[in-house]
Structure formats: structure tokens, C-alpha cells
């Protein structure tokens, strides 16, 4: 039988793979402007690369608009440069106190590209899950071969790990489906 420690370790590794996938697709913009799309943008703030999310208030007063209100207005130009250098494809508009980011309506073609990207990330996450399963099963095959566990124990372990794998891939499929619906929503 698989020990509780080994089972929880496998569960934790699979959960981490799912969390990493969720984090990865959170920056993909769907229909609404979401501050999380700014997560990977860093601003040169007094010689330090600082996440944009940490240097001001960011709000979304309208579905397609993000407003950045920096705590230090002297870095407005640095924020604008960082946004223009990012892969957002948006030109910031500044009035000296706040920066506005107006997101264009996504075309059907762009929505389809984003869905493909989400599905590709989902497949990568499933591969990570299957690799965790394979590594665990290799370890237990070796133990069975070395007579450290019985054939019956191996069968039970295999079923337990397969069940975990199936649950994890189903979660990934659900996340992909949810994000796809969010992207395709007009």
C-alpha cells in the first residue's frame, strides 16, 4: 500500500502543477480588463525592477479599461515605458496623475488564438501530471521488482495513483473549459 506521506507528496506535486497552470493562464486576457494581465510587467523604480502591481492602485472602472494610479507620480514615464515594452500591445494614456489602458475589443481571430494558447498550456500541464505519475510508478515498479512490495500492493498503488492522475487532468480540463468560455464570451 502507498503510505500517507507518499500519497500526500504525489497529491501536492499534482496540485502544484494545476496551480502553476492556473497562474499561467490568469494573465491571458479574456473579454474584461483584469489587473492580473499586468502581473508580469516590471517597472524600473529607483534602480530596482518592481512589479507594476506593487507601485500603485490599479482599478477597472469599465470592462475594457484599467486605471493605474501610481503612489509616486515621478515614475509615470517609467510605467508607460514598461507597458509599451510588454507584450500587451496597448498604448498607455497619461494625464499626469493616472495612466489609462483601454483594451480593444477582441476579434474572433484573436479569441481563437487565445483559446489555442490556453489549450496548449493545458496540454503541457497534463504532461507534467503524467510525468509525476510515471516517476511514481517507476519507483513502485522497482520496489515490486526488489520484492519490497507485493503484486497486490502494487496494483492498489497503481489504482490510487491513476485515480489521482485522472482527477488532476479532469481539473485541468475544467479550467481550460472555463477559460475558453470566458475568452469566447462577447
N, C-alpha and C. Protein backbone atom coordinates (compact mmCIF):
# COMPACT_ATOMS: atom_id res chain seq x y z
N UNK A 1 0.84 -1.19 0.00
CA UNK A 1 0.00 0.00 0.00
C UNK A 1 0.88 1.25 0.00
N UNK A 2 0.34 2.30 -0.56
CA UNK A 2 1.06 3.57 -0.61
C UNK A 2 0.91 4.27 0.75
N UNK A 3 2.02 4.77 1.26
CA UNK A 3 1.97 5.43 2.57
C UNK A 3 1.29 6.79 2.42
N UNK A 4 0.76 7.28 3.55
CA UNK A 4 0.08 8.58 3.53
C UNK A 4 1.04 9.69 3.11
N UNK A 5 2.30 9.59 3.54
CA UNK A 5 3.29 10.61 3.17
C UNK A 5 3.53 10.61 1.66
N UNK A 6 3.70 9.43 1.09
CA UNK A 6 3.95 9.33 -0.35
C UNK A 6 2.73 9.81 -1.13
N UNK A 7 1.54 9.42 -0.66
CA UNK A 7 0.30 9.82 -1.33
C UNK A 7 0.14 11.33 -1.28
N UNK A 8 0.38 11.92 -0.11
CA UNK A 8 0.22 13.38 0.01
C UNK A 8 1.30 14.11 -0.79
N UNK A 9 2.48 13.51 -0.92
CA UNK A 9 3.55 14.12 -1.72
C UNK A 9 3.12 14.14 -3.20
N UNK A 10 2.58 13.03 -3.67
CA UNK A 10 2.11 12.95 -5.05
C UNK A 10 0.96 13.93 -5.27
N UNK A 11 0.03 13.97 -4.32
CA UNK A 11 -1.10 14.90 -4.41
C UNK A 11 -0.59 16.33 -4.47
N UNK A 12 0.37 16.67 -3.63
CA UNK A 12 0.94 18.02 -3.59
C UNK A 12 1.61 18.38 -4.91
N UNK A 13 2.38 17.45 -5.47
CA UNK A 13 3.05 17.71 -6.75
C UNK A 13 2.03 17.96 -7.86
N UNK A 14 0.97 17.17 -7.88
CA UNK A 14 -0.06 17.35 -8.90
C UNK A 14 -0.81 18.67 -8.69
N UNK A 15 -1.07 19.01 -7.43
CA UNK A 15 -1.73 20.29 -7.12
C UNK A 15 -0.87 21.46 -7.55
N UNK A 16 0.43 21.34 -7.34
CA UNK A 16 1.35 22.40 -7.76
C UNK A 16 1.33 22.57 -9.28
N UNK A 17 1.23 21.47 -10.00
CA UNK A 17 1.17 21.55 -11.46
C UNK A 17 -0.12 22.25 -11.90
N UNK A 18 -1.22 21.95 -11.22
CA UNK A 18 -2.50 22.60 -11.54
C UNK A 18 -2.44 24.08 -11.20
N UNK A 19 -1.87 24.41 -10.03
CA UNK A 19 -1.75 25.82 -9.63
C UNK A 19 -0.87 26.60 -10.59
N UNK A 20 0.22 25.99 -11.03
CA UNK A 20 1.12 26.66 -11.98
C UNK A 20 0.39 26.93 -13.29
N UNK A 21 -0.42 25.98 -13.72
CA UNK A 21 -1.20 26.15 -14.94
C UNK A 21 -2.21 27.28 -14.78
N UNK A 22 -2.92 27.30 -13.65
CA UNK A 22 -3.90 28.35 -13.40
C UNK A 22 -3.24 29.72 -13.40
N UNK A 23 -2.08 29.79 -12.77
CA UNK A 23 -1.30 31.03 -12.73
C UNK A 23 -0.89 31.45 -14.14
N UNK A 24 -0.48 30.48 -14.93
CA UNK A 24 -0.01 30.74 -16.29
C UNK A 24 -1.12 31.34 -17.16
N UNK A 25 -2.33 30.84 -17.03
CA UNK A 25 -3.40 31.34 -17.90
C UNK A 25 -4.12 32.55 -17.30
N UNK A 26 -3.83 32.89 -16.05
CA UNK A 26 -4.51 34.04 -15.45
C UNK A 26 -4.12 35.34 -16.14
N UNK A 27 -2.95 35.38 -16.76
CA UNK A 27 -2.51 36.60 -17.44
C UNK A 27 -3.07 36.72 -18.86
N UNK A 28 -3.75 35.69 -19.32
CA UNK A 28 -4.37 35.75 -20.65
C UNK A 28 -5.67 36.53 -20.52
N UNK A 29 -5.76 37.59 -21.27
CA UNK A 29 -6.91 38.49 -21.18
C UNK A 29 -8.11 37.88 -21.88
N UNK A 30 -9.21 37.90 -21.18
CA UNK A 30 -10.46 37.47 -21.79
C UNK A 30 -11.22 38.74 -22.20
N UNK A 31 -12.51 38.75 -22.09
CA UNK A 31 -13.30 39.90 -22.51
C UNK A 31 -13.11 41.13 -21.64
N UNK A 32 -12.93 40.95 -20.34
CA UNK A 32 -12.81 42.07 -19.42
C UNK A 32 -11.35 42.41 -19.15
N UNK A 33 -11.11 43.69 -18.89
CA UNK A 33 -9.78 44.11 -18.48
C UNK A 33 -9.59 43.65 -17.04
N UNK A 34 -8.50 42.98 -16.76
CA UNK A 34 -8.24 42.43 -15.44
C UNK A 34 -6.83 42.83 -15.02
N UNK A 35 -6.66 43.37 -13.81
CA UNK A 35 -5.32 43.77 -13.37
C UNK A 35 -4.28 42.66 -13.43
N UNK A 36 -4.71 41.40 -13.43
CA UNK A 36 -3.73 40.30 -13.46
C UNK A 36 -2.94 40.27 -14.77
N UNK A 37 -3.44 40.92 -15.83
CA UNK A 37 -2.67 40.96 -17.09
C UNK A 37 -1.41 41.79 -16.93
N UNK A 38 -1.33 42.58 -15.87
CA UNK A 38 -0.15 43.42 -15.62
C UNK A 38 0.85 42.72 -14.70
N UNK A 39 0.55 41.51 -14.30
CA UNK A 39 1.35 40.79 -13.33
C UNK A 39 2.81 40.62 -13.74
N UNK A 40 3.07 40.42 -15.00
CA UNK A 40 4.44 40.16 -15.46
C UNK A 40 5.16 41.40 -15.97
N UNK A 41 4.61 42.57 -15.65
CA UNK A 41 5.25 43.82 -16.08
C UNK A 41 6.02 44.40 -14.89
N UNK A 42 7.30 44.68 -15.14
CA UNK A 42 8.16 45.23 -14.11
C UNK A 42 8.60 46.63 -14.51
N UNK A 43 8.62 47.53 -13.54
CA UNK A 43 8.98 48.93 -13.77
C UNK A 43 10.31 49.21 -13.09
N UNK A 44 11.15 49.97 -13.77
CA UNK A 44 12.42 50.39 -13.17
C UNK A 44 12.10 51.49 -12.16
N UNK A 45 12.07 51.13 -10.88
CA UNK A 45 11.67 52.02 -9.80
C UNK A 45 12.88 52.30 -8.93
N UNK A 46 13.53 53.44 -9.18
CA UNK A 46 14.75 53.83 -8.47
C UNK A 46 15.82 52.74 -8.54
N UNK A 47 16.03 52.23 -9.74
CA UNK A 47 17.08 51.24 -9.97
C UNK A 47 16.68 49.81 -9.67
N UNK A 48 15.49 49.59 -9.17
CA UNK A 48 15.01 48.24 -8.84
C UNK A 48 13.90 47.85 -9.81
N UNK A 49 13.93 46.62 -10.28
CA UNK A 49 12.82 46.10 -11.09
C UNK A 49 11.70 45.73 -10.12
N UNK A 50 10.60 46.48 -10.18
CA UNK A 50 9.50 46.31 -9.25
C UNK A 50 8.23 45.95 -10.03
N UNK A 51 7.46 44.97 -9.54
CA UNK A 51 6.21 44.62 -10.23
C UNK A 51 5.27 45.83 -10.28
N UNK A 52 4.68 46.04 -11.43
CA UNK A 52 3.76 47.16 -11.62
C UNK A 52 2.63 47.13 -10.60
N UNK A 53 2.18 45.94 -10.25
CA UNK A 53 1.08 45.80 -9.31
C UNK A 53 1.42 46.33 -7.92
N UNK A 54 2.71 46.54 -7.63
CA UNK A 54 3.13 46.96 -6.29
C UNK A 54 3.46 48.45 -6.19
N UNK A 55 3.28 49.20 -7.26
CA UNK A 55 3.69 50.61 -7.18
C UNK A 55 2.53 51.58 -7.36
N UNK A 56 1.31 51.10 -7.23
CA UNK A 56 0.16 51.98 -7.31
C UNK A 56 -1.14 51.22 -7.22
N UNK A 57 -2.22 51.99 -7.23
CA UNK A 57 -3.55 51.39 -7.23
C UNK A 57 -3.97 51.11 -8.67
N UNK A 58 -4.53 49.94 -8.89
CA UNK A 58 -4.99 49.58 -10.22
C UNK A 58 -6.46 49.21 -10.10
N UNK A 59 -7.28 49.89 -10.90
CA UNK A 59 -8.71 49.61 -10.84
C UNK A 59 -9.24 49.40 -12.25
N UNK A 60 -10.44 48.83 -12.31
CA UNK A 60 -11.09 48.58 -13.59
C UNK A 60 -12.49 49.20 -13.54
N UNK A 61 -12.58 50.53 -13.78
CA UNK A 61 -13.89 51.18 -13.68
C UNK A 61 -14.87 50.77 -14.78
N UNK A 62 -14.35 50.30 -15.90
CA UNK A 62 -15.18 49.85 -17.01
C UNK A 62 -14.64 48.50 -17.49
N UNK A 63 -15.45 47.71 -18.18
CA UNK A 63 -15.00 46.38 -18.60
C UNK A 63 -13.73 46.36 -19.45
N UNK A 64 -13.50 47.41 -20.25
CA UNK A 64 -12.33 47.41 -21.13
C UNK A 64 -11.25 48.40 -20.70
N UNK A 65 -11.34 48.92 -19.48
CA UNK A 65 -10.42 49.96 -19.04
C UNK A 65 -9.75 49.61 -17.72
N UNK A 66 -8.43 49.78 -17.68
CA UNK A 66 -7.69 49.70 -16.43
C UNK A 66 -7.12 51.08 -16.15
N UNK A 67 -7.19 51.50 -14.89
CA UNK A 67 -6.64 52.78 -14.48
C UNK A 67 -5.55 52.51 -13.45
N UNK A 68 -4.35 53.02 -13.74
CA UNK A 68 -3.22 52.86 -12.83
C UNK A 68 -2.96 54.22 -12.18
N UNK A 69 -3.01 54.24 -10.86
CA UNK A 69 -2.74 55.47 -10.12
C UNK A 69 -1.50 55.22 -9.27
N UNK A 70 -0.32 55.62 -9.78
CA UNK A 70 0.91 55.36 -9.04
C UNK A 70 0.98 56.18 -7.76
N UNK A 71 1.63 55.61 -6.74
CA UNK A 71 1.79 56.33 -5.49
C UNK A 71 2.84 57.43 -5.64
N UNK A 72 3.74 57.25 -6.57
CA UNK A 72 4.80 58.23 -6.83
C UNK A 72 4.67 58.66 -8.30
N UNK A 73 4.12 59.87 -8.54
CA UNK A 73 3.86 60.28 -9.92
C UNK A 73 5.13 60.58 -10.71
N UNK A 74 6.27 60.63 -10.03
CA UNK A 74 7.53 60.88 -10.75
C UNK A 74 7.94 59.70 -11.63
N UNK A 75 7.31 58.55 -11.45
CA UNK A 75 7.68 57.38 -12.26
C UNK A 75 6.66 57.07 -13.35
N UNK A 76 5.81 58.04 -13.65
CA UNK A 76 4.78 57.84 -14.69
C UNK A 76 5.41 57.42 -16.01
N UNK A 77 6.48 58.09 -16.43
CA UNK A 77 7.14 57.77 -17.71
C UNK A 77 7.71 56.35 -17.68
N UNK A 78 8.27 55.95 -16.53
CA UNK A 78 8.83 54.59 -16.41
C UNK A 78 7.72 53.55 -16.54
N UNK A 79 6.57 53.83 -15.95
CA UNK A 79 5.44 52.91 -16.04
C UNK A 79 4.98 52.80 -17.50
N UNK A 80 4.87 53.95 -18.17
CA UNK A 80 4.46 53.94 -19.57
C UNK A 80 5.44 53.14 -20.43
N UNK A 81 6.73 53.34 -20.20
CA UNK A 81 7.76 52.60 -20.96
C UNK A 81 7.62 51.10 -20.74
N UNK A 82 7.42 50.70 -19.49
CA UNK A 82 7.30 49.28 -19.17
C UNK A 82 6.07 48.67 -19.85
N UNK A 83 4.97 49.40 -19.87
CA UNK A 83 3.75 48.89 -20.51
C UNK A 83 3.95 48.77 -22.02
N UNK A 84 4.58 49.78 -22.62
CA UNK A 84 4.81 49.74 -24.07
C UNK A 84 5.80 48.64 -24.45
N UNK A 85 6.75 48.34 -23.56
CA UNK A 85 7.74 47.29 -23.84
C UNK A 85 7.16 45.90 -23.64
N UNK A 86 6.03 45.80 -22.93
CA UNK A 86 5.43 44.49 -22.67
C UNK A 86 4.74 43.98 -23.93
N UNK A 87 4.22 42.75 -23.84
CA UNK A 87 3.52 42.16 -24.99
C UNK A 87 2.01 42.40 -24.94
N UNK A 88 1.57 43.40 -24.16
CA UNK A 88 0.14 43.70 -24.08
C UNK A 88 -0.40 44.28 -25.39
N UNK A 89 0.44 45.03 -26.09
CA UNK A 89 0.01 45.64 -27.34
C UNK A 89 -0.94 46.81 -27.12
N UNK A 90 -0.76 47.52 -26.00
CA UNK A 90 -1.64 48.63 -25.65
C UNK A 90 -0.79 49.87 -25.40
N UNK A 91 -1.26 51.01 -25.90
CA UNK A 91 -0.56 52.27 -25.65
C UNK A 91 -1.19 52.95 -24.44
N UNK A 92 -0.40 53.19 -23.40
CA UNK A 92 -0.93 53.85 -22.22
C UNK A 92 -1.25 55.32 -22.49
N UNK A 93 -2.30 55.82 -21.87
CA UNK A 93 -2.68 57.22 -21.98
C UNK A 93 -2.57 57.84 -20.60
N UNK A 94 -1.74 58.89 -20.49
CA UNK A 94 -1.48 59.51 -19.19
C UNK A 94 -1.98 60.94 -19.16
N UNK A 95 -2.51 61.35 -18.00
CA UNK A 95 -2.89 62.75 -17.83
C UNK A 95 -2.02 63.41 -16.76
N UNK A 96 -0.94 62.75 -16.38
CA UNK A 96 -0.03 63.31 -15.38
C UNK A 96 -0.28 62.77 -13.98
N UNK A 97 -1.49 62.28 -13.71
CA UNK A 97 -1.79 61.72 -12.40
C UNK A 97 -2.14 60.23 -12.48
N UNK A 98 -2.82 59.84 -13.55
CA UNK A 98 -3.20 58.43 -13.73
C UNK A 98 -2.86 58.00 -15.15
N UNK A 99 -2.71 56.68 -15.30
CA UNK A 99 -2.48 56.09 -16.62
C UNK A 99 -3.69 55.23 -16.94
N UNK A 100 -4.22 55.44 -18.13
CA UNK A 100 -5.37 54.65 -18.56
C UNK A 100 -4.93 53.66 -19.64
N UNK A 101 -5.41 52.44 -19.49
CA UNK A 101 -5.15 51.41 -20.50
C UNK A 101 -6.50 50.97 -21.06
N UNK A 102 -6.77 51.36 -22.29
CA UNK A 102 -8.02 50.98 -22.93
C UNK A 102 -7.77 49.75 -23.80
N UNK A 103 -8.39 48.65 -23.42
CA UNK A 103 -8.20 47.40 -24.13
C UNK A 103 -9.17 47.33 -25.30
N UNK A 104 -8.68 46.99 -26.48
CA UNK A 104 -9.58 46.88 -27.63
C UNK A 104 -10.47 45.64 -27.49
N UNK A 105 -11.58 45.69 -28.19
CA UNK A 105 -12.45 44.52 -28.22
C UNK A 105 -11.70 43.42 -28.97
N UNK A 106 -11.74 42.21 -28.43
CA UNK A 106 -11.04 41.10 -29.07
C UNK A 106 -11.77 40.67 -30.33
N UNK A 107 -11.02 40.52 -31.41
CA UNK A 107 -11.61 40.00 -32.64
C UNK A 107 -11.80 38.49 -32.48
N UNK A 108 -12.63 37.92 -33.33
CA UNK A 108 -12.86 36.48 -33.27
C UNK A 108 -11.56 35.72 -33.51
N UNK A 109 -10.75 36.24 -34.42
CA UNK A 109 -9.47 35.60 -34.73
C UNK A 109 -8.56 35.60 -33.50
N UNK A 110 -8.50 36.73 -32.80
CA UNK A 110 -7.66 36.84 -31.60
C UNK A 110 -8.19 35.92 -30.50
N UNK A 111 -9.51 35.84 -30.37
CA UNK A 111 -10.11 34.94 -29.37
C UNK A 111 -9.70 33.49 -29.66
N UNK A 112 -9.75 33.11 -30.94
CA UNK A 112 -9.36 31.75 -31.32
C UNK A 112 -7.89 31.49 -31.00
N UNK A 113 -7.03 32.48 -31.23
CA UNK A 113 -5.60 32.34 -30.90
C UNK A 113 -5.42 32.13 -29.40
N UNK A 114 -6.15 32.91 -28.60
CA UNK A 114 -6.04 32.79 -27.14
C UNK A 114 -6.53 31.43 -26.65
N UNK A 115 -7.61 30.94 -27.27
CA UNK A 115 -8.12 29.61 -26.90
C UNK A 115 -7.08 28.54 -27.20
N UNK A 116 -6.42 28.65 -28.37
CA UNK A 116 -5.36 27.69 -28.72
C UNK A 116 -4.24 27.73 -27.69
N UNK A 117 -3.89 28.94 -27.27
CA UNK A 117 -2.83 29.12 -26.29
C UNK A 117 -3.21 28.46 -24.96
N UNK A 118 -4.44 28.68 -24.52
CA UNK A 118 -4.92 28.08 -23.27
C UNK A 118 -4.90 26.56 -23.37
N UNK A 119 -5.36 26.02 -24.50
CA UNK A 119 -5.37 24.56 -24.67
C UNK A 119 -3.96 23.99 -24.69
N UNK A 120 -3.02 24.72 -25.30
CA UNK A 120 -1.62 24.26 -25.33
C UNK A 120 -1.04 24.25 -23.92
N UNK A 121 -1.33 25.29 -23.14
CA UNK A 121 -0.87 25.33 -21.75
C UNK A 121 -1.50 24.19 -20.96
N UNK A 122 -2.78 23.88 -21.26
CA UNK A 122 -3.47 22.78 -20.59
C UNK A 122 -2.81 21.44 -20.90
N UNK A 123 -2.43 21.25 -22.15
CA UNK A 123 -1.75 20.00 -22.53
C UNK A 123 -0.39 19.89 -21.83
N UNK A 124 0.33 21.00 -21.73
CA UNK A 124 1.61 20.99 -21.02
C UNK A 124 1.42 20.59 -19.55
N UNK A 125 0.36 21.12 -18.94
CA UNK A 125 0.08 20.79 -17.54
C UNK A 125 -0.26 19.31 -17.39
N UNK A 126 -1.02 18.77 -18.35
CA UNK A 126 -1.35 17.34 -18.30
C UNK A 126 -0.10 16.48 -18.45
N UNK A 127 0.83 16.93 -19.30
CA UNK A 127 2.09 16.20 -19.46
C UNK A 127 2.85 16.19 -18.13
N UNK A 128 2.86 17.34 -17.43
CA UNK A 128 3.52 17.38 -16.12
C UNK A 128 2.87 16.40 -15.14
N UNK A 129 1.54 16.33 -15.17
CA UNK A 129 0.81 15.40 -14.30
C UNK A 129 1.19 13.96 -14.64
N UNK A 130 1.20 13.64 -15.92
CA UNK A 130 1.53 12.27 -16.34
C UNK A 130 2.98 11.93 -16.00
N UNK A 131 3.87 12.91 -16.07
CA UNK A 131 5.27 12.67 -15.69
C UNK A 131 5.39 12.37 -14.20
N UNK A 132 4.61 13.06 -13.38
CA UNK A 132 4.61 12.78 -11.94
C UNK A 132 4.13 11.36 -11.72
N UNK A 133 3.08 10.96 -12.43
CA UNK A 133 2.54 9.59 -12.32
C UNK A 133 3.60 8.58 -12.73
N UNK A 134 4.24 8.83 -13.88
CA UNK A 134 5.25 7.89 -14.39
C UNK A 134 6.41 7.73 -13.41
N UNK A 135 6.89 8.85 -12.86
CA UNK A 135 8.01 8.78 -11.91
C UNK A 135 7.63 7.96 -10.68
N UNK A 136 6.41 8.19 -10.17
CA UNK A 136 5.95 7.42 -9.01
C UNK A 136 5.84 5.94 -9.35
N UNK A 137 5.24 5.64 -10.49
CA UNK A 137 5.05 4.24 -10.87
C UNK A 137 6.39 3.54 -11.10
N UNK A 138 7.35 4.25 -11.68
CA UNK A 138 8.69 3.66 -11.86
C UNK A 138 9.30 3.29 -10.51
N UNK A 139 9.10 4.16 -9.54
CA UNK A 139 9.63 3.90 -8.20
C UNK A 139 8.98 2.64 -7.60
N UNK A 140 7.66 2.52 -7.76
CA UNK A 140 6.96 1.36 -7.20
C UNK A 140 7.24 0.08 -7.99
N UNK A 141 7.47 0.20 -9.29
CA UNK A 141 7.86 -0.97 -10.08
C UNK A 141 9.19 -1.52 -9.58
N UNK A 142 10.10 -0.61 -9.28
CA UNK A 142 11.41 -1.03 -8.77
C UNK A 142 11.25 -1.72 -7.42
N UNK A 143 10.38 -1.15 -6.57
CA UNK A 143 10.14 -1.78 -5.26
C UNK A 143 9.52 -3.16 -5.42
N UNK A 144 8.62 -3.30 -6.39
CA UNK A 144 8.00 -4.60 -6.64
C UNK A 144 9.05 -5.58 -7.15
N UNK A 145 9.89 -5.11 -8.06
CA UNK A 145 10.95 -5.95 -8.61
C UNK A 145 11.93 -6.41 -7.52
N UNK A 146 12.21 -5.49 -6.58
CA UNK A 146 13.12 -5.81 -5.48
C UNK A 146 12.41 -6.53 -4.33
N UNK A 147 11.16 -6.90 -4.54
CA UNK A 147 10.33 -7.60 -3.56
C UNK A 147 10.11 -6.80 -2.27
N UNK A 148 10.12 -5.48 -2.39
CA UNK A 148 9.84 -4.63 -1.23
C UNK A 148 8.33 -4.47 -1.03
N UNK A 149 7.57 -4.61 -2.13
CA UNK A 149 6.11 -4.60 -2.04
C UNK A 149 5.58 -5.78 -2.85
N UNK A 150 4.37 -6.20 -2.50
CA UNK A 150 3.77 -7.35 -3.20
C UNK A 150 3.07 -6.89 -4.47
N UNK A 151 2.71 -7.86 -5.28
CA UNK A 151 1.97 -7.58 -6.52
C UNK A 151 0.63 -6.92 -6.21
N UNK A 152 -0.04 -7.41 -5.15
CA UNK A 152 -1.33 -6.84 -4.75
C UNK A 152 -1.18 -5.38 -4.32
N UNK A 153 -0.14 -5.11 -3.51
CA UNK A 153 0.12 -3.73 -3.09
C UNK A 153 0.38 -2.84 -4.30
N UNK A 154 1.15 -3.36 -5.23
CA UNK A 154 1.47 -2.60 -6.44
C UNK A 154 0.20 -2.26 -7.21
N UNK A 155 -0.71 -3.21 -7.32
CA UNK A 155 -1.97 -2.99 -8.04
C UNK A 155 -2.80 -1.91 -7.36
N UNK A 156 -2.87 -1.96 -6.03
CA UNK A 156 -3.62 -0.95 -5.27
C UNK A 156 -2.99 0.43 -5.45
N UNK A 157 -1.67 0.49 -5.36
CA UNK A 157 -0.94 1.75 -5.54
C UNK A 157 -1.19 2.31 -6.93
N UNK A 158 -1.11 1.42 -7.92
CA UNK A 158 -1.32 1.85 -9.31
C UNK A 158 -2.71 2.46 -9.49
N UNK A 159 -3.73 1.82 -8.89
CA UNK A 159 -5.09 2.35 -8.98
C UNK A 159 -5.21 3.70 -8.28
N UNK A 160 -4.58 3.82 -7.09
CA UNK A 160 -4.63 5.09 -6.35
C UNK A 160 -3.99 6.22 -7.13
N UNK A 161 -2.82 5.96 -7.68
CA UNK A 161 -2.11 7.00 -8.43
C UNK A 161 -2.85 7.33 -9.72
N UNK A 162 -3.42 6.32 -10.36
CA UNK A 162 -4.19 6.58 -11.59
C UNK A 162 -5.42 7.42 -11.28
N UNK A 163 -6.05 7.15 -10.13
CA UNK A 163 -7.22 7.93 -9.73
C UNK A 163 -6.82 9.39 -9.52
N UNK A 164 -5.70 9.61 -8.84
CA UNK A 164 -5.18 10.97 -8.65
C UNK A 164 -4.90 11.65 -9.98
N UNK A 165 -4.29 10.91 -10.88
CA UNK A 165 -3.95 11.45 -12.21
C UNK A 165 -5.22 11.84 -12.96
N UNK A 166 -6.22 10.96 -12.94
CA UNK A 166 -7.48 11.24 -13.62
C UNK A 166 -8.17 12.48 -13.04
N UNK A 167 -8.18 12.59 -11.70
CA UNK A 167 -8.79 13.75 -11.05
C UNK A 167 -8.07 15.03 -11.44
N UNK A 168 -6.74 14.97 -11.46
CA UNK A 168 -5.95 16.16 -11.79
C UNK A 168 -6.15 16.59 -13.24
N UNK A 169 -6.16 15.63 -14.15
CA UNK A 169 -6.36 16.00 -15.56
C UNK A 169 -7.79 16.52 -15.77
N UNK A 170 -8.75 16.00 -15.02
CA UNK A 170 -10.13 16.49 -15.12
C UNK A 170 -10.20 17.94 -14.63
N UNK A 171 -9.46 18.27 -13.56
CA UNK A 171 -9.43 19.65 -13.07
C UNK A 171 -8.85 20.58 -14.14
N UNK A 172 -7.80 20.12 -14.78
CA UNK A 172 -7.18 20.92 -15.84
C UNK A 172 -8.17 21.13 -16.98
N UNK A 173 -8.88 20.06 -17.37
CA UNK A 173 -9.89 20.18 -18.43
C UNK A 173 -10.97 21.18 -18.05
N UNK A 174 -11.39 21.16 -16.77
CA UNK A 174 -12.41 22.10 -16.30
C UNK A 174 -11.91 23.55 -16.38
N UNK A 175 -10.66 23.76 -15.98
CA UNK A 175 -10.07 25.10 -16.03
C UNK A 175 -9.97 25.58 -17.47
N UNK A 176 -9.54 24.69 -18.37
CA UNK A 176 -9.44 25.05 -19.80
C UNK A 176 -10.83 25.41 -20.33
N UNK A 177 -11.82 24.61 -20.01
CA UNK A 177 -13.19 24.86 -20.49
C UNK A 177 -13.70 26.21 -19.97
N UNK A 178 -13.47 26.47 -18.69
CA UNK A 178 -13.92 27.72 -18.08
C UNK A 178 -13.24 28.93 -18.73
N UNK A 179 -11.93 28.84 -18.93
CA UNK A 179 -11.19 29.96 -19.53
C UNK A 179 -11.59 30.14 -20.99
N UNK A 180 -11.83 29.04 -21.69
CA UNK A 180 -12.26 29.11 -23.09
C UNK A 180 -13.60 29.83 -23.19
N UNK A 181 -14.54 29.48 -22.31
CA UNK A 181 -15.84 30.15 -22.31
C UNK A 181 -15.69 31.63 -22.00
N UNK A 182 -14.80 31.95 -21.06
CA UNK A 182 -14.55 33.34 -20.69
C UNK A 182 -13.99 34.13 -21.88
N UNK A 183 -13.07 33.52 -22.61
CA UNK A 183 -12.46 34.19 -23.76
C UNK A 183 -13.48 34.36 -24.89
N UNK A 184 -14.28 33.35 -25.14
CA UNK A 184 -15.21 33.38 -26.27
C UNK A 184 -16.46 34.22 -26.00
N UNK A 185 -16.68 34.58 -24.73
CA UNK A 185 -17.83 35.40 -24.37
C UNK A 185 -17.67 36.79 -24.99
N UNK A 186 -18.68 37.22 -25.71
CA UNK A 186 -18.60 38.52 -26.41
C UNK A 186 -19.23 39.60 -25.57
